[in-house]
Amino acid sequence: MLKIQELSLDNREKFLDLLCFPDLYPFNVNGQHESRQIKLHDHEFIKVRLTSKHPQFRLNQQYLFYLLNNANNRQLACIYHNLYL
């Protein structure tokens, strides 16, 4: 596992995947929340990354747990939002 020896990052950062995984995104482009001409939903982005012919995304365990945590946080935010309506 990689050890971070810098200041901690805010987990609400929009481009957190680009900052935390420089080995997967060496040029800091094409992250999950990159502005695109065609809107790409989160579940579509994850599906494309995990079914890519390049195995670097699906073999990186830290990245897989990051995607799982991100999906769980989005689902919880949706539940809390619906409870307070």
PDB file of N, CA and C in Angstrom:
ATOM      1  N   MET A   1       0.834  -1.178   0.000  1.00  0.00           N
ATOM      2  CA  MET A   1       0.000   0.000   0.000  1.00  0.00           C
ATOM      3  C   MET A   1       0.876   1.238   0.000  1.00  0.00           C
ATOM      4  N   LEU A   2       0.342   2.270  -0.635  1.00  0.00           N
ATOM      5  CA  LEU A   2       1.059   3.526  -0.695  1.00  0.00           C
ATOM      6  C   LEU A   2       0.813   4.318   0.583  1.00  0.00           C
ATOM      7  N   LYS A   3       1.830   4.993   1.055  1.00  0.00           N
ATOM      8  CA  LYS A   3       1.700   5.789   2.259  1.00  0.00           C
ATOM      9  C   LYS A   3       1.791   7.264   1.872  1.00  0.00           C
ATOM     10  N   ILE A   4       0.824   8.033   2.288  1.00  0.00           N
ATOM     11  CA  ILE A   4       0.787   9.462   1.971  1.00  0.00           C
ATOM     12  C   ILE A   4       1.471  10.222   3.088  1.00  0.00           C
ATOM     13  N   GLN A   5       2.414  11.077   2.714  1.00  0.00           N
ATOM     14  CA  GLN A   5       3.134  11.851   3.715  1.00  0.00           C
ATOM     15  C   GLN A   5       2.967  13.344   3.464  1.00  0.00           C
ATOM     16  N   GLU A   6       1.835  13.742   2.989  1.00  0.00           N
ATOM     17  CA  GLU A   6       1.530  15.140   2.742  1.00  0.00           C
ATOM     18  C   GLU A   6       0.346  15.547   3.611  1.00  0.00           C
ATOM     19  N   LEU A   7      -0.142  16.747   3.402  1.00  0.00           N
ATOM     20  CA  LEU A   7      -1.338  17.190   4.103  1.00  0.00           C
ATOM     21  C   LEU A   7      -2.523  16.351   3.657  1.00  0.00           C
ATOM     22  N   SER A   8      -3.437  16.116   4.566  1.00  0.00           N
ATOM     23  CA  SER A   8      -4.592  15.289   4.220  1.00  0.00           C
ATOM     24  C   SER A   8      -5.495  16.026   3.235  1.00  0.00           C
ATOM     25  N   LEU A   9      -6.182  15.250   2.398  1.00  0.00           N
ATOM     26  CA  LEU A   9      -7.085  15.794   1.393  1.00  0.00           C
ATOM     27  C   LEU A   9      -8.513  15.738   1.901  1.00  0.00           C
ATOM     28  N   ASP A  10      -9.325  16.663   1.445  1.00  0.00           N
ATOM     29  CA  ASP A  10     -10.743  16.650   1.765  1.00  0.00           C
ATOM     30  C   ASP A  10     -11.416  15.611   0.878  1.00  0.00           C
ATOM     31  N   ASN A  11     -12.162  14.686   1.466  1.00  0.00           N
ATOM     32  CA  ASN A  11     -12.764  13.625   0.665  1.00  0.00           C
ATOM     33  C   ASN A  11     -13.953  14.107  -0.154  1.00  0.00           C
ATOM     34  N   ARG A  12     -14.320  15.372  -0.033  1.00  0.00           N
ATOM     35  CA  ARG A  12     -15.368  15.951  -0.870  1.00  0.00           C
ATOM     36  C   ARG A  12     -14.795  16.657  -2.096  1.00  0.00           C
ATOM     37  N   GLU A  13     -13.483  16.585  -2.253  1.00  0.00           N
ATOM     38  CA  GLU A  13     -12.809  17.188  -3.399  1.00  0.00           C
ATOM     39  C   GLU A  13     -13.364  16.611  -4.694  1.00  0.00           C
ATOM     40  N   LYS A  14     -13.636  17.465  -5.673  1.00  0.00           N
ATOM     41  CA  LYS A  14     -14.241  17.013  -6.927  1.00  0.00           C
ATOM     42  C   LYS A  14     -13.307  16.089  -7.708  1.00  0.00           C
ATOM     43  N   PHE A  15     -12.035  16.395  -7.731  1.00  0.00           N
ATOM     44  CA  PHE A  15     -11.072  15.610  -8.505  1.00  0.00           C
ATOM     45  C   PHE A  15     -10.192  14.758  -7.593  1.00  0.00           C
ATOM     46  N   LEU A  16     -10.806  14.132  -6.610  1.00  0.00           N
ATOM     47  CA  LEU A  16     -10.071  13.331  -5.638  1.00  0.00           C
ATOM     48  C   LEU A  16      -9.396  12.125  -6.283  1.00  0.00           C
ATOM     49  N   ASP A  17     -10.043  11.511  -7.257  1.00  0.00           N
ATOM     50  CA  ASP A  17      -9.443  10.350  -7.917  1.00  0.00           C
ATOM     51  C   ASP A  17      -8.164  10.726  -8.660  1.00  0.00           C
ATOM     52  N   LEU A  18      -8.128  11.901  -9.253  1.00  0.00           N
ATOM     53  CA  LEU A  18      -6.919  12.343  -9.949  1.00  0.00           C
ATOM     54  C   LEU A  18      -5.775  12.619  -8.973  1.00  0.00           C
ATOM     55  N   LEU A  19      -6.127  13.122  -7.799  1.00  0.00           N
ATOM     56  CA  LEU A  19      -5.103  13.453  -6.811  1.00  0.00           C
ATOM     57  C   LEU A  19      -4.570  12.221  -6.086  1.00  0.00           C
ATOM     58  N   CYS A  20      -5.439  11.243  -5.846  1.00  0.00           N
ATOM     59  CA  CYS A  20      -5.047  10.075  -5.048  1.00  0.00           C
ATOM     60  C   CYS A  20      -4.423   8.947  -5.858  1.00  0.00           C
ATOM     61  N   PHE A  21      -4.630   8.945  -7.149  1.00  0.00           N
ATOM     62  CA  PHE A  21      -4.134   7.851  -7.977  1.00  0.00           C
ATOM     63  C   PHE A  21      -3.303   8.377  -9.144  1.00  0.00           C
ATOM     64  N   PRO A  22      -2.131   8.929  -8.855  1.00  0.00           N
ATOM     65  CA  PRO A  22      -1.289   9.452  -9.949  1.00  0.00           C
ATOM     66  C   PRO A  22      -0.751   8.342 -10.848  1.00  0.00           C
ATOM     67  N   ASP A  23      -0.711   7.105 -10.349  1.00  0.00           N
ATOM     68  CA  ASP A  23      -0.251   6.007 -11.200  1.00  0.00           C
ATOM     69  C   ASP A  23      -1.306   5.635 -12.244  1.00  0.00           C
ATOM     70  N   LEU A  24      -2.593   5.845 -11.934  1.00  0.00           N
ATOM     71  CA  LEU A  24      -3.659   5.559 -12.894  1.00  0.00           C
ATOM     72  C   LEU A  24      -3.969   6.756 -13.791  1.00  0.00           C
ATOM     73  N   TYR A  25      -3.769   7.939 -13.265  1.00  0.00           N
ATOM     74  CA  TYR A  25      -4.027   9.164 -14.015  1.00  0.00           C
ATOM     75  C   TYR A  25      -2.749  10.019 -14.040  1.00  0.00           C
ATOM     76  N   PRO A  26      -1.739   9.628 -14.812  1.00  0.00           N
ATOM     77  CA  PRO A  26      -0.459  10.341 -14.775  1.00  0.00           C
ATOM     78  C   PRO A  26      -0.526  11.759 -15.345  1.00  0.00           C
ATOM     79  N   PHE A  27      -1.522  12.041 -16.187  1.00  0.00           N
ATOM     80  CA  PHE A  27      -1.621  13.366 -16.798  1.00  0.00           C
ATOM     81  C   PHE A  27      -2.762  14.189 -16.214  1.00  0.00           C
ATOM     82  N   ASN A  28      -3.385  13.708 -15.143  1.00  0.00           N
ATOM     83  CA  ASN A  28      -4.485  14.390 -14.454  1.00  0.00           C
ATOM     84  C   ASN A  28      -5.641  14.742 -15.381  1.00  0.00           C
ATOM     85  N   VAL A  29      -6.002  13.815 -16.250  1.00  0.00           N
ATOM     86  CA  VAL A  29      -7.159  14.002 -17.131  1.00  0.00           C
ATOM     87  C   VAL A  29      -8.009  12.742 -17.113  1.00  0.00           C
ATOM     88  N   ASN A  30      -9.267  12.899 -17.565  1.00  0.00           N
ATOM     89  CA  ASN A  30     -10.231  11.803 -17.695  1.00  0.00           C
ATOM     90  C   ASN A  30     -10.616  11.167 -16.372  1.00  0.00           C
ATOM     91  N   GLY A  31     -10.754  11.980 -15.348  1.00  0.00           N
ATOM     92  CA  GLY A  31     -11.230  11.485 -14.062  1.00  0.00           C
ATOM     93  C   GLY A  31     -12.739  11.313 -14.066  1.00  0.00           C
ATOM     94  N   GLN A  32     -13.266  10.911 -12.947  1.00  0.00           N
ATOM     95  CA  GLN A  32     -14.689  10.612 -12.849  1.00  0.00           C
ATOM     96  C   GLN A  32     -15.557  11.851 -13.049  1.00  0.00           C
ATOM     97  N   HIS A  33     -15.128  12.989 -12.565  1.00  0.00           N
ATOM     98  CA  HIS A  33     -15.952  14.193 -12.646  1.00  0.00           C
ATOM     99  C   HIS A  33     -15.398  15.206 -13.648  1.00  0.00           C
ATOM    100  N   GLU A  34     -14.709  14.708 -14.650  1.00  0.00           N
ATOM    101  CA  GLU A  34     -14.183  15.546 -15.728  1.00  0.00           C
ATOM    102  C   GLU A  34     -15.359  16.119 -16.523  1.00  0.00           C
ATOM    103  N   SER A  35     -15.233  17.370 -16.954  1.00  0.00           N
ATOM    104  CA  SER A  35     -16.302  17.937 -17.788  1.00  0.00           C
ATOM    105  C   SER A  35     -16.187  17.340 -19.193  1.00  0.00           C
ATOM    106  N   ARG A  36     -17.303  16.804 -19.682  1.00  0.00           N
ATOM    107  CA  ARG A  36     -17.345  16.128 -20.975  1.00  0.00           C
ATOM    108  C   ARG A  36     -18.480  16.708 -21.810  1.00  0.00           C
ATOM    109  N   GLN A  37     -18.390  16.510 -23.108  1.00  0.00           N
ATOM    110  CA  GLN A  37     -19.462  16.985 -23.985  1.00  0.00           C
ATOM    111  C   GLN A  37     -20.736  16.184 -23.755  1.00  0.00           C
ATOM    112  N   ILE A  38     -20.594  14.876 -23.553  1.00  0.00           N
ATOM    113  CA  ILE A  38     -21.735  14.008 -23.273  1.00  0.00           C
ATOM    114  C   ILE A  38     -21.706  13.657 -21.792  1.00  0.00           C
ATOM    115  N   LYS A  39     -22.828  13.861 -21.105  1.00  0.00           N
ATOM    116  CA  LYS A  39     -22.895  13.573 -19.668  1.00  0.00           C
ATOM    117  C   LYS A  39     -22.681  12.087 -19.422  1.00  0.00           C
ATOM    118  N   LEU A  40     -21.761  11.780 -18.556  1.00  0.00           N
ATOM    119  CA  LEU A  40     -21.457  10.391 -18.200  1.00  0.00           C
ATOM    120  C   LEU A  40     -21.791  10.202 -16.728  1.00  0.00           C
ATOM    121  N   HIS A  41     -22.781   9.363 -16.449  1.00  0.00           N
ATOM    122  CA  HIS A  41     -23.191   9.121 -15.069  1.00  0.00           C
ATOM    123  C   HIS A  41     -22.114   8.327 -14.339  1.00  0.00           C
ATOM    124  N   ASP A  42     -22.166   8.387 -13.015  1.00  0.00           N
ATOM    125  CA  ASP A  42     -21.154   7.731 -12.198  1.00  0.00           C
ATOM    126  C   ASP A  42     -21.103   6.228 -12.437  1.00  0.00           C
ATOM    127  N   HIS A  43     -22.263   5.584 -12.507  1.00  0.00           N
ATOM    128  CA  HIS A  43     -22.272   4.133 -12.713  1.00  0.00           C
ATOM    129  C   HIS A  43     -21.750   3.758 -14.100  1.00  0.00           C
ATOM    130  N   GLU A  44     -21.970   4.613 -15.085  1.00  0.00           N
ATOM    131  CA  GLU A  44     -21.435   4.355 -16.423  1.00  0.00           C
ATOM    132  C   GLU A  44     -19.917   4.491 -16.440  1.00  0.00           C
ATOM    133  N   PHE A  45     -19.405   5.506 -15.732  1.00  0.00           N
ATOM    134  CA  PHE A  45     -17.961   5.710 -15.665  1.00  0.00           C
ATOM    135  C   PHE A  45     -17.284   4.502 -15.013  1.00  0.00           C
ATOM    136  N   ILE A  46     -17.853   4.019 -13.911  1.00  0.00           N
ATOM    137  CA  ILE A  46     -17.270   2.876 -13.204  1.00  0.00           C
ATOM    138  C   ILE A  46     -17.303   1.633 -14.082  1.00  0.00           C
ATOM    139  N   LYS A  47     -18.406   1.431 -14.776  1.00  0.00           N
ATOM    140  CA  LYS A  47     -18.515   0.273 -15.670  1.00  0.00           C
ATOM    141  C   LYS A  47     -17.459   0.331 -16.776  1.00  0.00           C
ATOM    142  N   VAL A  48     -17.253   1.500 -17.353  1.00  0.00           N
ATOM    143  CA  VAL A  48     -16.255   1.651 -18.416  1.00  0.00           C
ATOM    144  C   VAL A  48     -14.853   1.390 -17.882  1.00  0.00           C
ATOM    145  N   ARG A  49     -14.554   1.911 -16.702  1.00  0.00           N
ATOM    146  CA  ARG A  49     -13.217   1.714 -16.125  1.00  0.00           C
ATOM    147  C   ARG A  49     -12.948   0.244 -15.798  1.00  0.00           C
ATOM    148  N   LEU A  50     -13.923  -0.436 -15.253  1.00  0.00           N
ATOM    149  CA  LEU A  50     -13.703  -1.820 -14.832  1.00  0.00           C
ATOM    150  C   LEU A  50     -13.756  -2.823 -15.982  1.00  0.00           C
ATOM    151  N   THR A  51     -14.398  -2.465 -17.074  1.00  0.00           N
ATOM    152  CA  THR A  51     -14.446  -3.362 -18.231  1.00  0.00           C
ATOM    153  C   THR A  51     -13.485  -2.940 -19.332  1.00  0.00           C
ATOM    154  N   SER A  52     -12.608  -2.016 -19.035  1.00  0.00           N
ATOM    155  CA  SER A  52     -11.632  -1.554 -20.017  1.00  0.00           C
ATOM    156  C   SER A  52     -10.656  -2.674 -20.374  1.00  0.00           C
ATOM    157  N   LYS A  53     -10.092  -2.589 -21.567  1.00  0.00           N
ATOM    158  CA  LYS A  53      -9.107  -3.604 -21.958  1.00  0.00           C
ATOM    159  C   LYS A  53      -7.784  -3.412 -21.223  1.00  0.00           C
ATOM    160  N   HIS A  54      -7.608  -2.246 -20.605  1.00  0.00           N
ATOM    161  CA  HIS A  54      -6.418  -1.980 -19.810  1.00  0.00           C
ATOM    162  C   HIS A  54      -6.699  -2.399 -18.366  1.00  0.00           C
ATOM    163  N   PRO A  55      -6.004  -3.402 -17.848  1.00  0.00           N
ATOM    164  CA  PRO A  55      -6.348  -3.959 -16.538  1.00  0.00           C
ATOM    165  C   PRO A  55      -5.892  -3.123 -15.344  1.00  0.00           C
ATOM    166  N   GLN A  56      -5.223  -2.010 -15.571  1.00  0.00           N
ATOM    167  CA  GLN A  56      -4.661  -1.249 -14.454  1.00  0.00           C
ATOM    168  C   GLN A  56      -5.729  -0.752 -13.485  1.00  0.00           C
ATOM    169  N   PHE A  57      -6.936  -0.470 -13.976  1.00  0.00           N
ATOM    170  CA  PHE A  57      -7.993   0.043 -13.102  1.00  0.00           C
ATOM    171  C   PHE A  57      -8.625  -1.062 -12.274  1.00  0.00           C
ATOM    172  N   ARG A  58      -8.868  -2.213 -12.855  1.00  0.00           N
ATOM    173  CA  ARG A  58      -9.531  -3.285 -12.098  1.00  0.00           C
ATOM    174  C   ARG A  58      -8.570  -4.089 -11.237  1.00  0.00           C
ATOM    175  N   LEU A  59      -7.267  -3.920 -11.431  1.00  0.00           N
ATOM    176  CA  LEU A  59      -6.287  -4.648 -10.619  1.00  0.00           C
ATOM    177  C   LEU A  59      -5.776  -3.833  -9.433  1.00  0.00           C
ATOM    178  N   ASN A  60      -6.056  -2.553  -9.416  1.00  0.00           N
ATOM    179  CA  ASN A  60      -5.624  -1.691  -8.321  1.00  0.00           C
ATOM    180  C   ASN A  60      -6.653  -1.781  -7.192  1.00  0.00           C
ATOM    181  N   GLN A  61      -6.305  -2.463  -6.111  1.00  0.00           N
ATOM    182  CA  GLN A  61      -7.251  -2.703  -5.025  1.00  0.00           C
ATOM    183  C   GLN A  61      -7.671  -1.417  -4.322  1.00  0.00           C
ATOM    184  N   GLN A  62      -6.752  -0.491  -4.156  1.00  0.00           N
ATOM    185  CA  GLN A  62      -7.108   0.767  -3.508  1.00  0.00           C
ATOM    186  C   GLN A  62      -8.120   1.541  -4.342  1.00  0.00           C
ATOM    187  N   TYR A  63      -7.972   1.497  -5.652  1.00  0.00           N
ATOM    188  CA  TYR A  63      -8.905   2.191  -6.535  1.00  0.00           C
ATOM    189  C   TYR A  63     -10.289   1.531  -6.480  1.00  0.00           C
ATOM    190  N   LEU A  64     -10.326   0.209  -6.411  1.00  0.00           N
ATOM    191  CA  LEU A  64     -11.607  -0.489  -6.310  1.00  0.00           C
ATOM    192  C   LEU A  64     -12.335  -0.124  -5.020  1.00  0.00           C
ATOM    193  N   PHE A  65     -11.612  -0.060  -3.913  1.00  0.00           N
ATOM    194  CA  PHE A  65     -12.230   0.332  -2.647  1.00  0.00           C
ATOM    195  C   PHE A  65     -12.642   1.802  -2.663  1.00  0.00           C
ATOM    196  N   TYR A  66     -11.887   2.631  -3.354  1.00  0.00           N
ATOM    197  CA  TYR A  66     -12.269   4.035  -3.508  1.00  0.00           C
ATOM    198  C   TYR A  66     -13.599   4.135  -4.257  1.00  0.00           C
ATOM    199  N   LEU A  67     -13.736   3.399  -5.362  1.00  0.00           N
ATOM    200  CA  LEU A  67     -14.984   3.422  -6.134  1.00  0.00           C
ATOM    201  C   LEU A  67     -16.160   2.896  -5.310  1.00  0.00           C
ATOM    202  N   LEU A  68     -15.924   1.836  -4.534  1.00  0.00           N
ATOM    203  CA  LEU A  68     -16.977   1.291  -3.682  1.00  0.00           C
ATOM    204  C   LEU A  68     -17.394   2.297  -2.614  1.00  0.00           C
ATOM    205  N   ASN A  69     -16.443   2.935  -1.977  1.00  0.00           N
ATOM    206  CA  ASN A  69     -16.741   3.936  -0.953  1.00  0.00           C
ATOM    207  C   ASN A  69     -17.478   5.126  -1.564  1.00  0.00           C
ATOM    208  N   ASN A  70     -17.063   5.536  -2.722  1.00  0.00           N
ATOM    209  CA  ASN A  70     -17.702   6.654  -3.402  1.00  0.00           C
ATOM    210  C   ASN A  70     -19.158   6.307  -3.735  1.00  0.00           C
ATOM    211  N   ALA A  71     -19.403   5.101  -4.229  1.00  0.00           N
ATOM    212  CA  ALA A  71     -20.766   4.672  -4.543  1.00  0.00           C
ATOM    213  C   ALA A  71     -21.626   4.599  -3.273  1.00  0.00           C
ATOM    214  N   ASN A  72     -21.077   4.079  -2.198  1.00  0.00           N
ATOM    215  CA  ASN A  72     -21.816   4.010  -0.931  1.00  0.00           C
ATOM    216  C   ASN A  72     -22.167   5.400  -0.417  1.00  0.00           C
ATOM    217  N   ASN A  73     -21.240   6.328  -0.504  1.00  0.00           N
ATOM    218  CA  ASN A  73     -21.497   7.702  -0.046  1.00  0.00           C
ATOM    219  C   ASN A  73     -22.591   8.366  -0.881  1.00  0.00           C
ATOM    220  N   ARG A  74     -22.597   8.132  -2.195  1.00  0.00           N
ATOM    221  CA  ARG A  74     -23.637   8.701  -3.050  1.00  0.00           C
ATOM    222  C   ARG A  74     -25.005   8.116  -2.707  1.00  0.00           C
ATOM    223  N   GLN A  75     -25.056   6.804  -2.435  1.00  0.00           N
ATOM    224  CA  GLN A  75     -26.323   6.171  -2.075  1.00  0.00           C
ATOM    225  C   GLN A  75     -26.833   6.686  -0.731  1.00  0.00           C
ATOM    226  N   LEU A  76     -25.939   6.845   0.244  1.00  0.00           N
ATOM    227  CA  LEU A  76     -26.347   7.371   1.550  1.00  0.00           C
ATOM    228  C   LEU A  76     -26.824   8.812   1.442  1.00  0.00           C
ATOM    229  N   ALA A  77     -26.167   9.612   0.619  1.00  0.00           N
ATOM    230  CA  ALA A  77     -26.587  10.998   0.436  1.00  0.00           C
ATOM    231  C   ALA A  77     -27.985  11.051  -0.174  1.00  0.00           C
ATOM    232  N   CYS A  78     -28.266  10.151  -1.087  1.00  0.00           N
ATOM    233  CA  CYS A  78     -29.599  10.088  -1.698  1.00  0.00           C
ATOM    234  C   CYS A  78     -30.648   9.696  -0.664  1.00  0.00           C
ATOM    235  N   ILE A  79     -30.332   8.746   0.185  1.00  0.00           N
ATOM    236  CA  ILE A  79     -31.272   8.317   1.227  1.00  0.00           C
ATOM    237  C   ILE A  79     -31.544   9.451   2.208  1.00  0.00           C
ATOM    238  N   TYR A  80     -30.487  10.127   2.670  1.00  0.00           N
ATOM    239  CA  TYR A  80     -30.677  11.234   3.604  1.00  0.00           C
ATOM    240  C   TYR A  80     -31.454  12.366   2.964  1.00  0.00           C
ATOM    241  N   HIS A  81     -31.198  12.612   1.707  1.00  0.00           N
ATOM    242  CA  HIS A  81     -31.916  13.669   1.011  1.00  0.00           C
ATOM    243  C   HIS A  81     -33.412  13.348   0.944  1.00  0.00           C
ATOM    244  N   ASN A  82     -33.749  12.092   0.666  1.00  0.00           N
ATOM    245  CA  ASN A  82     -35.155  11.685   0.586  1.00  0.00           C
ATOM    246  C   ASN A  82     -35.836  11.688   1.944  1.00  0.00           C
ATOM    247  N   LEU A  83     -35.084  11.430   3.016  1.00  0.00           N
ATOM    248  CA  LEU A  83     -35.687  11.430   4.345  1.00  0.00           C
ATOM    249  C   LEU A  83     -36.077  12.825   4.799  1.00  0.00           C
ATOM    250  N   TYR A  84     -35.342  13.829   4.376  1.00  0.00           N
ATOM    251  CA  TYR A  84     -35.595  15.186   4.841  1.00  0.00           C
ATOM    252  C   TYR A  84     -36.449  15.993   3.893  1.00  0.00           C
ATOM    253  N   LEU A  85     -37.067  15.355   2.920  1.00  0.00           N
ATOM    254  CA  LEU A  85     -37.965  16.078   2.015  1.00  0.00           C
ATOM    255  C   LEU A  85     -39.358  16.161   2.560  1.00  0.00           C
TER     256      LEU A  85
END
